[in-house]
């Protein structure tokens, strides 16, 4: 993979180990999601879309947690507006509702709203509490996503991985940076 493509997909100055971890996780998540989808009677196009979403979400959950990506997303030129824009751009729940018959628009809206509302709270929480609040909201989101929302069994992984990617991996800066801000 070319350096510039890797810089775009992972982050500028990503280490070989970071890149390997990201791509391995992305491919494993996509493969497992594909196997789950192939065990259903959904259209092949839905399986392809889910595989691509899994590639993005599993890879993104790891990439956003790397130091190189933290430097990219939490630099001095980044604000709460940038972080919330990144979260808002994650319209994957609606893509699922569009292509997977049993993934309802109600579930899509609930997952999307939960991610965006939680990210907003995290963005405006004082730095000293930000990590704890992010974990609290993610834990509560996992409860809601897995117990109160009804997603098809082959997609029960979707909301939890989305929340980990956005709330824990993306919204939190490096811990040393958090401590310096307090």
Protein backbone atom coordinates (compact mmCIF):
# COMPACT_ATOMS: atom_id res chain seq x y z
CA UNK A 1 0.00 0.00 0.00
CA UNK A 2 1.36 3.42 -0.90
CA UNK A 3 2.39 5.75 1.86
CA UNK A 4 -0.12 8.43 0.85
CA UNK A 5 -3.02 5.96 0.76
CA UNK A 6 -1.98 4.59 4.15
CA UNK A 7 -1.74 8.18 5.45
CA UNK A 8 -5.31 8.73 4.31
CA UNK A 9 -6.75 5.41 5.55
CA UNK A 10 -4.86 5.20 8.85
CA UNK A 11 -3.05 8.46 9.57
CA UNK A 12 0.02 10.43 8.60
CA UNK A 13 3.09 8.93 10.24
CA UNK A 14 1.23 5.74 11.18
CA UNK A 15 3.64 3.07 12.31
CA UNK A 16 3.82 -0.27 10.55
CA UNK A 17 2.38 -1.93 13.67
CA UNK A 18 -0.54 0.50 13.83
CA UNK A 19 -1.33 -0.07 10.14
CA UNK A 20 -1.08 -3.84 10.46
CA UNK A 21 -3.41 -3.84 13.47
CA UNK A 22 -5.94 -1.60 11.69
CA UNK A 23 -6.02 -3.61 8.46
CA UNK A 24 -6.09 -6.98 10.22
CA UNK A 25 -8.99 -5.93 12.43
CA UNK A 26 -10.87 -4.35 9.50
CA UNK A 27 -10.53 -7.49 7.39
CA UNK A 28 -11.42 -9.82 10.27
CA UNK A 29 -14.51 -7.76 11.14
CA UNK A 30 -15.61 -7.62 7.50
CA UNK A 31 -15.07 -11.36 7.05
CA UNK A 32 -17.02 -12.27 10.19
CA UNK A 33 -19.85 -9.87 9.33
CA UNK A 34 -20.00 -11.37 5.84
CA UNK A 35 -20.24 -14.89 7.24
CA UNK A 36 -23.09 -13.79 9.50
CA UNK A 37 -24.91 -12.15 6.59
CA UNK A 38 -24.46 -15.17 4.34
CA UNK A 39 -26.31 -17.26 6.92
CA UNK A 40 -29.45 -15.19 6.25
CA UNK A 41 -31.70 -14.75 3.26
CA UNK A 42 -30.95 -11.05 2.71
CA UNK A 43 -30.11 -9.89 -0.81
CA UNK A 44 -26.47 -10.20 -1.86
CA UNK A 45 -26.24 -6.41 -2.21
CA UNK A 46 -27.10 -6.06 1.49
CA UNK A 47 -24.30 -8.49 2.35
CA UNK A 48 -21.81 -6.49 0.29
CA UNK A 49 -22.89 -3.22 1.94
CA UNK A 50 -22.65 -4.75 5.42
CA UNK A 51 -19.17 -6.09 4.62
CA UNK A 52 -18.03 -2.61 3.56
CA UNK A 53 -19.58 -1.02 6.65
CA UNK A 54 -17.89 -3.62 8.85
CA UNK A 55 -14.55 -2.91 7.17
CA UNK A 56 -14.96 0.78 8.00
CA UNK A 57 -16.28 0.32 11.54
CA UNK A 58 -13.90 -2.37 12.77
CA UNK A 59 -10.93 -0.70 11.13
CA UNK A 60 -12.06 2.71 12.30
CA UNK A 61 -12.49 1.59 15.90
CA UNK A 62 -8.81 0.66 15.89
CA UNK A 63 -7.45 3.46 13.72
CA UNK A 64 -9.11 6.18 15.81
CA UNK A 65 -7.43 4.74 18.90
CA UNK A 66 -3.90 4.91 17.45
CA UNK A 67 -1.49 7.63 18.48
CA UNK A 68 -1.00 8.72 14.88
CA UNK A 69 -4.75 9.21 14.40
CA UNK A 70 -5.03 10.98 17.76
CA UNK A 71 -2.43 13.46 16.48
CA UNK A 72 -4.53 13.96 13.35
CA UNK A 73 -7.92 14.33 15.05
CA UNK A 74 -6.93 16.05 18.30
CA UNK A 75 -4.39 18.60 17.09
CA UNK A 76 -4.54 22.25 18.14
CA UNK A 77 -6.57 23.11 15.03
CA UNK A 78 -9.40 20.70 15.97
CA UNK A 79 -12.47 21.77 17.91
CA UNK A 80 -15.66 20.21 19.23
CA UNK A 81 -17.25 21.20 15.92
CA UNK A 82 -14.76 19.01 14.03
CA UNK A 83 -15.35 16.05 16.34
CA UNK A 84 -19.12 16.34 16.19
CA UNK A 85 -18.99 16.73 12.42
CA UNK A 86 -17.05 13.49 12.19
CA UNK A 87 -19.68 11.71 14.31
CA UNK A 88 -22.58 13.29 12.39
CA UNK A 89 -21.07 12.11 9.09
CA UNK A 90 -21.46 8.49 10.25
CA UNK A 91 -24.81 7.79 8.62
CA UNK A 92 -24.20 4.04 8.46
CA UNK A 93 -27.32 3.22 10.52
CA UNK A 94 -29.45 4.75 7.77
CA UNK A 95 -27.51 2.89 5.08
CA UNK A 96 -28.33 -0.34 6.91
CA UNK A 97 -32.01 0.60 7.11
CA UNK A 98 -31.95 1.23 3.38
CA UNK A 99 -30.47 -2.15 2.40
CA UNK A 100 -31.29 -4.64 5.19
CA UNK A 101 -35.05 -5.31 5.34
CA UNK A 102 -35.18 -6.11 9.09
CA UNK A 103 -32.99 -3.20 10.20
CA UNK A 104 -35.71 -0.61 10.77
CA UNK A 105 -35.56 3.14 10.29
CA UNK A 106 -36.56 3.50 13.95
CA UNK A 107 -33.53 1.50 15.08
CA UNK A 108 -31.33 3.45 12.67
CA UNK A 109 -32.56 6.78 14.02
CA UNK A 110 -32.18 5.64 17.63
CA UNK A 111 -28.60 4.43 17.10
CA UNK A 112 -27.65 7.59 15.19
CA UNK A 113 -29.24 9.90 17.77
CA UNK A 114 -27.65 8.00 20.64
CA UNK A 115 -24.18 8.30 19.08
CA UNK A 116 -24.55 11.99 18.24
CA UNK A 117 -26.12 12.97 21.58
CA UNK A 118 -23.46 11.04 23.50
CA UNK A 119 -20.67 12.61 21.43
CA UNK A 120 -22.11 16.06 22.15
CA UNK A 121 -22.11 15.42 25.90
CA UNK A 122 -18.53 14.10 25.70
CA UNK A 123 -17.35 17.08 23.64
CA UNK A 124 -18.61 19.55 26.23
CA UNK A 125 -17.60 17.62 29.35
CA UNK A 126 -14.64 19.07 31.25
CA UNK A 127 -11.40 17.27 30.35
CA UNK A 128 -10.99 15.82 33.85
CA UNK A 129 -14.26 13.84 33.45
CA UNK A 130 -14.29 13.27 29.69
CA UNK A 131 -12.87 9.71 29.70
CA UNK A 132 -15.22 8.53 32.48
CA UNK A 133 -18.26 10.12 30.82
CA UNK A 134 -17.32 8.58 27.45
CA UNK A 135 -17.13 5.13 29.03
CA UNK A 136 -20.36 5.68 30.98
CA UNK A 137 -22.28 6.76 27.88
CA UNK A 138 -20.82 3.91 25.83
CA UNK A 139 -21.75 1.35 28.49
CA UNK A 140 -25.30 2.71 28.66
CA UNK A 141 -25.45 2.82 24.86
CA UNK A 142 -24.42 -0.83 24.72
CA UNK A 143 -27.26 -1.71 27.07
CA UNK A 144 -29.76 0.21 24.95
CA UNK A 145 -28.43 -1.16 21.66
CA UNK A 146 -28.33 -4.79 22.74
CA UNK A 147 -31.36 -4.97 25.04
CA UNK A 148 -33.88 -2.30 24.13
CA UNK A 149 -33.46 -1.96 20.35
CA UNK A 150 -34.39 -4.78 18.03
CA UNK A 151 -31.78 -5.32 15.33
CA UNK A 152 -31.48 -8.50 13.29
CA UNK A 153 -29.33 -11.08 15.05
CA UNK A 154 -26.64 -10.94 12.37
CA UNK A 155 -26.27 -7.19 13.01
CA UNK A 156 -26.23 -7.06 16.81
CA UNK A 157 -22.53 -6.15 16.57
CA UNK A 158 -23.24 -2.99 14.56
CA UNK A 159 -24.30 -0.44 17.20
CA UNK A 160 -21.73 -1.53 19.79
CA UNK A 161 -18.86 -1.27 17.30
CA UNK A 162 -20.15 2.08 16.03
CA UNK A 163 -20.29 3.42 19.60
CA UNK A 164 -16.78 2.17 20.39
CA UNK A 165 -15.43 3.73 17.19
CA UNK A 166 -17.07 7.10 17.71
CA UNK A 167 -17.28 7.58 21.47
CA UNK A 168 -14.22 5.80 22.83
CA UNK A 169 -11.82 5.82 19.92
CA UNK A 170 -12.61 9.11 18.19
CA UNK A 171 -13.91 11.44 20.89
CA UNK A 172 -11.14 10.81 23.40
CA UNK A 173 -7.73 12.44 22.99
CA UNK A 174 -4.56 10.79 24.25
CA UNK A 175 -4.69 10.55 28.03
CA UNK A 176 -1.53 12.64 28.49
CA UNK A 177 -3.18 15.44 26.49
CA UNK A 178 -6.31 15.18 28.67
CA UNK A 179 -4.25 15.43 31.85
CA UNK A 180 -2.36 18.45 30.53
CA UNK A 181 -5.69 20.21 29.93
CA UNK A 182 -6.81 19.84 33.56
